[in-house]
Amino acid sequence: MDVIPAIDLLEGRCVRLYQGDYERSQVFSENPVDVARQWVEQGATRLHLVDLDGAKAGKVVNLKAIEAIASAVSVPIEVGGGLRDRASVEQVFNLGVQWAILGTVAVEQPQLVQELCQEYPEQIIIGIDARNGLVATRGWLETSQVLATQLAIHMQSLGAIAIIYTDIQRDGTLTGPNLEALRSLCSAISIPVIASGGVSSVTDLLSLLALEPQGVTGVIVGRALYTGDISLKEALQAIGPGRIQDIPPNLDFSTFA
């Protein structure tokens, strides 16, 4: 299972929000390139970038920061936030980004999603951000009446290669992932699911590892890495690809199921 560090960009800085609230942001670094290098040096094999300004504005805003990070690290990068038209998607791919994460357009313009999946096979991921099981859009500022599982099923049929599922009410709270919602999502689709939101400890990571056979192939970790609640090196040793042997042999996975 991939452990994917999150780098959330707001006005060119690396921040974390609490439950998606722009008024409750905490700055962790003025230099997101240094942060990206740090995570790669500690073993990250993939980075998750979110353009928070772009999510609110409806277009990519932190282009310079995204380009600088893509140029500074050798691992693949996925980017979301403000990708609501073909030009924006092309823009981030031209910066060296490997995967584009589409959110709002998945609800509002499914035809565009289908076209982009055809134009960029294996490069389109759908970000489903849910509040009480309903999909939130436009930087989490609006909540639709679309069920997360229904949207995932539709996006799979259009050619998306994976779903990133974020439980907004747990994002940035360190209260643990929503395992029940993840199980429900995995049972509805066959493409990979990447978990996001609420991860606070290696124990949380192990609870997600127990869902790997059901389709959870990765986990995005944000605040817990920045506060030191989780060491990326220890997390990778515990659940990283090919490291299953490092898990204590007496661990009872039934406690996580």
Protein backbone atom coordinates (compact mmCIF):
# COMPACT_ATOMS: atom_id res chain seq x y z
CA MET A 1 0.00 0.00 0.00
CA ASP A 2 1.30 3.44 -0.93
CA VAL A 3 1.74 6.08 1.77
CA ILE A 4 1.35 9.38 -0.08
CA PRO A 5 2.34 12.64 1.64
CA ALA A 6 0.00 15.55 0.97
CA ILE A 7 1.21 19.04 0.14
CA ASP A 8 -1.64 21.53 0.23
CA LEU A 9 -0.84 24.84 -1.45
CA LEU A 10 -2.38 28.13 -0.35
CA GLU A 11 -0.87 31.38 -1.60
CA GLY A 12 2.31 29.51 -2.46
CA ARG A 13 2.76 28.07 1.03
CA CYS A 14 2.35 24.56 2.42
CA VAL A 15 -0.67 24.54 4.75
CA ARG A 16 -3.27 22.23 6.24
CA LEU A 17 -6.94 22.99 6.66
CA TYR A 18 -9.29 21.70 9.35
CA GLN A 19 -12.33 19.96 7.81
CA GLY A 20 -11.72 21.90 4.59
CA ASP A 21 -12.26 25.27 6.27
CA TYR A 22 -10.15 27.96 4.60
CA GLU A 23 -10.51 30.13 7.70
CA ARG A 24 -8.86 27.43 9.81
CA SER A 25 -5.59 26.96 7.96
CA GLN A 26 -2.22 26.32 9.54
CA VAL A 27 0.99 27.19 7.71
CA PHE A 28 3.63 24.47 7.95
CA SER A 29 6.17 25.84 5.50
CA GLU A 30 6.78 28.88 3.34
CA ASN A 31 8.68 26.67 0.89
CA PRO A 32 6.70 23.69 -0.43
CA VAL A 33 9.64 22.60 -2.61
CA ASP A 34 11.70 21.95 0.50
CA VAL A 35 8.79 19.99 1.95
CA ALA A 36 8.51 17.87 -1.20
CA ARG A 37 12.23 17.12 -1.14
CA GLN A 38 11.99 16.16 2.54
CA TRP A 39 9.24 13.60 1.92
CA VAL A 40 11.10 12.08 -1.03
CA GLU A 41 14.33 11.87 0.98
CA GLN A 42 12.38 9.98 3.64
CA GLY A 43 11.17 7.44 1.12
CA ALA A 44 7.96 8.77 -0.48
CA THR A 45 7.39 7.25 -3.90
CA ARG A 46 4.53 9.58 -4.84
CA LEU A 47 3.30 13.04 -3.80
CA HIS A 48 -0.23 14.44 -3.55
CA LEU A 49 -0.55 18.16 -4.32
CA VAL A 50 -3.72 20.20 -3.82
CA ASP A 51 -4.08 23.72 -5.17
CA LEU A 52 -6.43 25.13 -2.52
CA ASP A 53 -6.54 28.54 -4.18
CA GLY A 54 -7.38 26.80 -7.44
CA ALA A 55 -10.17 24.78 -5.85
CA LYS A 56 -11.81 28.00 -4.70
CA ALA A 57 -11.12 29.98 -7.89
CA GLY A 58 -12.06 27.22 -10.34
CA LYS A 59 -8.72 27.39 -12.15
CA VAL A 60 -5.12 26.46 -11.40
CA VAL A 61 -3.51 29.20 -9.30
CA ASN A 62 -0.33 27.78 -7.76
CA LEU A 63 1.33 26.96 -11.07
CA LYS A 64 4.79 28.16 -10.05
CA ALA A 65 4.82 26.02 -6.91
CA ILE A 66 3.55 22.94 -8.78
CA GLU A 67 6.13 23.35 -11.53
CA ALA A 68 8.92 23.90 -9.00
CA ILE A 69 8.01 20.75 -7.10
CA ALA A 70 7.70 18.67 -10.27
CA SER A 71 11.15 19.87 -11.33
CA ALA A 72 12.73 19.28 -7.93
CA VAL A 73 11.71 15.67 -7.26
CA SER A 74 12.02 12.44 -9.22
CA VAL A 75 8.86 10.74 -7.97
CA PRO A 76 5.49 11.00 -9.75
CA ILE A 77 3.07 13.70 -8.64
CA GLU A 78 -0.71 13.88 -8.63
CA VAL A 79 -2.43 17.27 -8.58
CA GLY A 80 -5.97 18.36 -7.80
CA GLY A 81 -7.75 21.63 -7.17
CA GLY A 82 -9.28 23.86 -9.84
CA LEU A 83 -9.01 21.39 -12.73
CA ARG A 84 -12.38 22.16 -14.28
CA ASP A 85 -11.62 22.37 -18.00
CA ARG A 86 -9.42 20.72 -20.59
CA ALA A 87 -6.94 23.60 -20.69
CA SER A 88 -6.24 23.32 -16.95
CA VAL A 89 -5.61 19.60 -17.19
CA GLU A 90 -3.27 20.11 -20.14
CA GLN A 91 -1.55 22.85 -18.17
CA VAL A 92 -0.60 20.62 -15.23
CA PHE A 93 0.45 17.74 -17.46
CA ASN A 94 2.77 20.13 -19.30
CA LEU A 95 4.41 20.90 -15.95
CA GLY A 96 5.43 17.27 -15.55
CA VAL A 97 2.54 16.09 -13.39
CA GLN A 98 1.73 12.38 -13.74
CA TRP A 99 -1.94 12.30 -12.66
CA ALA A 100 -4.73 14.90 -12.71
CA ILE A 101 -7.37 14.66 -9.99
CA LEU A 102 -10.83 15.77 -11.10
CA GLY A 103 -13.49 16.59 -8.53
CA THR A 104 -16.12 19.20 -9.29
CA VAL A 105 -16.28 18.37 -13.01
CA ALA A 106 -17.04 14.75 -12.16
CA VAL A 107 -20.38 15.97 -10.83
CA GLU A 108 -21.00 18.87 -13.18
CA GLN A 109 -19.40 17.76 -16.47
CA PRO A 110 -19.16 13.95 -16.69
CA GLN A 111 -18.86 14.15 -20.48
CA LEU A 112 -15.64 16.13 -20.08
CA VAL A 113 -14.33 13.49 -17.69
CA GLN A 114 -15.02 10.78 -20.25
CA GLU A 115 -13.21 12.76 -22.97
CA LEU A 116 -10.20 13.39 -20.74
CA CYS A 117 -10.02 9.72 -19.75
CA GLN A 118 -9.84 8.87 -23.44
CA GLU A 119 -7.26 11.57 -24.19
CA TYR A 120 -5.10 10.78 -21.16
CA PRO A 121 -5.49 7.06 -20.45
CA GLU A 122 -4.09 5.97 -17.06
CA GLN A 123 -3.71 9.59 -15.96
CA ILE A 124 -7.15 10.65 -14.71
CA ILE A 125 -8.07 10.10 -11.06
CA ILE A 126 -11.38 11.15 -9.55
CA GLY A 127 -11.35 12.90 -6.20
CA ILE A 128 -14.56 12.23 -4.30
CA ASP A 129 -14.83 14.45 -1.25
CA ALA A 130 -17.82 13.50 0.86
CA ARG A 131 -19.75 15.11 3.67
CA ASN A 132 -22.22 12.67 5.29
CA GLY A 133 -21.95 10.47 2.21
CA LEU A 134 -22.79 13.29 -0.22
CA VAL A 135 -20.26 14.70 -2.67
CA ALA A 136 -18.93 18.18 -1.96
CA THR A 137 -17.72 20.38 -4.81
CA ARG A 138 -16.03 23.73 -5.52
CA GLY A 139 -13.33 23.47 -2.91
CA TRP A 140 -15.73 21.79 -0.46
CA LEU A 141 -17.74 25.02 -0.33
CA GLU A 142 -20.86 23.37 -1.78
CA THR A 143 -22.51 20.01 -1.12
CA SER A 144 -24.35 18.22 -3.93
CA GLN A 145 -27.12 15.65 -3.62
CA VAL A 146 -24.98 13.01 -5.33
CA LEU A 147 -24.03 9.96 -3.31
CA ALA A 148 -20.32 9.20 -3.23
CA THR A 149 -20.80 5.56 -4.22
CA GLN A 150 -23.05 6.48 -7.16
CA LEU A 151 -20.48 8.95 -8.47
CA ALA A 152 -17.68 6.40 -8.12
CA ILE A 153 -19.62 3.80 -10.11
CA HIS A 154 -20.28 6.34 -12.87
CA MET A 155 -16.67 7.54 -13.01
CA GLN A 156 -15.39 3.98 -13.23
CA SER A 157 -17.63 3.44 -16.23
CA LEU A 158 -16.14 6.55 -17.90
CA GLY A 159 -12.57 5.30 -17.60
CA ALA A 160 -11.15 6.78 -14.39
CA ILE A 161 -8.21 4.72 -13.12
CA ALA A 162 -8.73 5.31 -9.39
CA ILE A 163 -10.82 7.09 -6.77
CA ILE A 164 -9.39 9.26 -4.00
CA TYR A 165 -11.96 9.25 -1.22
CA THR A 166 -11.82 12.01 1.38
CA ASP A 167 -14.13 12.20 4.37
CA ILE A 168 -14.31 15.96 4.87
CA GLN A 169 -15.50 15.77 8.46
CA ARG A 170 -12.34 13.84 9.34
CA ASP A 171 -9.88 15.73 7.17
CA GLY A 172 -7.24 17.47 9.24
CA THR A 173 -8.80 16.25 12.50
CA LEU A 174 -6.52 13.26 13.30
CA THR A 175 -9.65 11.30 14.32
CA GLY A 176 -9.02 8.23 12.15
CA PRO A 177 -10.25 7.19 8.68
CA ASN A 178 -13.86 6.37 7.90
CA LEU A 179 -13.46 2.62 7.44
CA GLU A 180 -17.16 1.94 6.97
CA ALA A 181 -17.43 4.40 4.08
CA LEU A 182 -14.29 2.98 2.47
CA ARG A 183 -15.66 -0.58 2.69
CA SER A 184 -18.90 0.56 1.08
CA LEU A 185 -17.05 2.30 -1.72
CA CYS A 186 -14.75 -0.65 -2.39
CA SER A 187 -17.71 -3.01 -2.59
CA ALA A 188 -19.30 -0.83 -5.26
CA ILE A 189 -16.35 -0.51 -7.67
CA SER A 190 -13.39 -2.52 -8.92
CA ILE A 191 -10.84 0.25 -9.57
CA PRO A 192 -8.36 1.18 -6.80
CA VAL A 193 -9.41 3.40 -3.91
CA ILE A 194 -6.99 5.76 -2.18
CA ALA A 195 -8.04 6.77 1.33
CA SER A 196 -7.71 10.31 2.65
CA GLY A 197 -8.74 12.14 5.78
CA GLY A 198 -8.32 11.62 9.51
CA VAL A 199 -5.22 9.41 9.56
CA SER A 200 -3.44 10.05 12.86
CA SER A 201 -1.21 7.06 13.64
CA VAL A 202 0.45 3.92 12.34
CA THR A 203 -2.48 2.06 13.88
CA ASP A 204 -4.79 3.93 11.49
CA LEU A 205 -2.52 2.94 8.62
CA LEU A 206 -2.69 -0.71 9.65
CA SER A 207 -6.49 -0.50 9.78
CA LEU A 208 -6.38 0.65 6.15
CA LEU A 209 -3.90 -2.08 5.24
CA ALA A 210 -6.54 -4.56 6.38
CA LEU A 211 -8.76 -3.12 3.61
CA GLU A 212 -6.15 -3.60 0.91
CA PRO A 213 -7.67 -6.91 -0.27
CA GLN A 214 -10.95 -5.03 -0.79
CA GLY A 215 -9.32 -2.40 -3.00
CA VAL A 216 -7.70 0.29 -0.83
CA THR A 217 -4.30 0.59 -2.51
CA GLY A 218 -3.01 3.79 -0.96
CA VAL A 219 -3.46 6.37 1.75
CA ILE A 220 -2.84 10.10 1.66
CA VAL A 221 -1.43 11.47 4.90
CA GLY A 222 -1.29 15.17 5.70
CA ARG A 223 -1.47 16.77 9.11
CA ALA A 224 -0.17 13.73 11.00
CA LEU A 225 3.11 13.91 9.06
CA TYR A 226 3.50 17.62 9.71
CA THR A 227 2.76 17.36 13.43
CA GLY A 228 5.04 14.36 13.85
CA ASP A 229 2.24 12.02 14.94
CA ILE A 230 3.38 9.77 12.09
CA SER A 231 6.95 9.27 10.92
CA LEU A 232 6.96 8.70 7.17
CA LYS A 233 9.91 6.32 7.46
CA GLU A 234 8.11 4.24 10.10
CA ALA A 235 4.89 4.29 8.09
CA LEU A 236 6.66 3.03 4.99
CA GLN A 237 8.36 0.31 7.01
CA ALA A 238 4.99 -0.76 8.40
CA ILE A 239 2.81 -0.82 5.30
CA GLY A 240 4.85 0.22 2.29
CA PRO A 241 5.04 -1.94 -0.84
CA GLY A 242 6.87 -5.18 -0.17
CA ARG A 243 7.23 -4.46 3.55
CA ILE A 244 4.44 -6.63 4.88
CA GLN A 245 7.07 -8.71 6.67
CA ASP A 246 7.80 -5.76 8.97
CA ILE A 247 4.36 -5.91 10.55
CA PRO A 248 4.46 -7.59 13.98
CA PRO A 249 3.54 -11.28 13.49
CA ASN A 250 1.19 -11.24 16.48
CA LEU A 251 -0.91 -8.32 15.18
CA ASP A 252 -4.62 -9.16 15.29
CA PHE A 253 -6.10 -7.71 12.11
CA SER A 254 -9.61 -8.64 13.23
CA THR A 255 -9.54 -5.57 15.46
CA PHE A 256 -9.42 -3.41 12.34
CA ALA A 257 -11.95 -5.27 10.20
